[in-house]
Amino acid sequence: MKIYCSKDALLTGVNTVQKAVSNKNTLPVLQGILIKAENNTLIFEATDMEIGIRCSVTAQIEREGVIVLPARLFSEIVRKLPDATIEIEQRDDSINIHYYQSDIVLKGFDPDEFPLLPDLYDAVSFNLPISLFKTMIRQTVFACAVEENRPVVFTGTLLQIEGSNIRLVATDTHRLAYRISEIENPEDLKFYGVIPAKTMSEIYRLLKDEDEILTIRFNQSQISFQFGSVHLLSRLIDGQFPNYKQVIPQSCQSKVFIASKTFSDSVERASLLARDSIHANIVRLSLEKENLWIAQASEVGKISEQMDIKMEGTEVKVAFNAKFLLDVLKVIDSEEIIIELSGPYGPGIIRPIDDPNYLYLVLPVRTS
């Protein structure tokens, strides 16, 4: 291999695939990035056997070749290279990085030991606007479970395609985020699979607004996402996702209309004191006619805030984990939200006032 390319091109390739590099696998080659030079293109690949990412950049290829380089060291070297034309030449199991009058020699791994990203067999595909899918991921993926002791199905997001609808649903059993959108589905494709949260977060990170169309391909065990020069392949989580429709209340006892930012700012202030209380990060809401009170007291102090609201239904007092409220308020773009409550112990529903396609369910906290 002998190639010439810019630092920016190398940086693009490294930054795109590095999150798929395995940090835990004992196989040294999986801690590397495969680099392949062919047809005036430099291809980068990385995988941890659960997610794989491929990216291609333009380069001047004088001699084709392939090698696997240690990801962490190579990425650090690339970041510190000067803004100049970089020459990379492979010599057996090493590469020589040449710039100006300087050289860096870096040992690599045997590319024959690197597991290449497989092609999806018996796969079907459809296209989706990137801006739509980014919004759907942003409004759901944060509700996935992060604890390793939870059933693995809760660490992923359900993707469901049915008719002209696409849904993303995420839950950690304490809360649930649900988003539905309309898509073009002329072939009436159907899909029901749970995608790891890591995969969804990576897709969100890599999707660029200038890339307009996302192509999704899937079979029974894997799913791939293609956009621009990036190809991401992921396994699907094996397991039955809970029946989310069953837990979403169809009615409520109290309905509150409130400004999103006003509510978010108040919850955030109350949470500062809640962190030091015996009920960690809990804020208490009290709904009384045209007022909403947020209160919290701890050893370091107390807070009580009153907000004007519009309310329908019965008065109620309820407590929630402040983080669970703030997480959803960060992803709702509407200036006003609706909070639906079914008593002090029933699940609460938060919706944007101008978007019927999104809802967030959160369970209250029982306090003495």
Foldseek 3Di string as FASTA:
>chain_A
DKWKDWLVQVLVQLVLWQLQQDPPDPPQLLQWWKWWDDDQKIKIWHHPPFKIKIFIDGIGDPDTDMFTFRNPVVNVVSVPDDGDIWIWDDDVQWIWIDDDPDIDIGGTDDCVPDDDDDDDPPKDKDKDWLVVLLLQLLQFLVAADDDPPQPQLQQWWKWWDFAQKIKTWHHPPQKIKIFMDGHDDPVGDTDTFTFGSSVSVSSSVPDDNVFTMWMWMDDDFKIWIDTDRMIMIGTTDDDDDDPPVVQDDPAFQKKKKDFLVVVLVVLVVQQVQQCQAPNHQKWKWWDDQQKIWIKDAHPVGIDIDIDGIHMDGDIAMEMFRSVLSNSNSVSDPARMWMWGHHHHFRWIKIGRPPDPRIIMIGGTDDDD
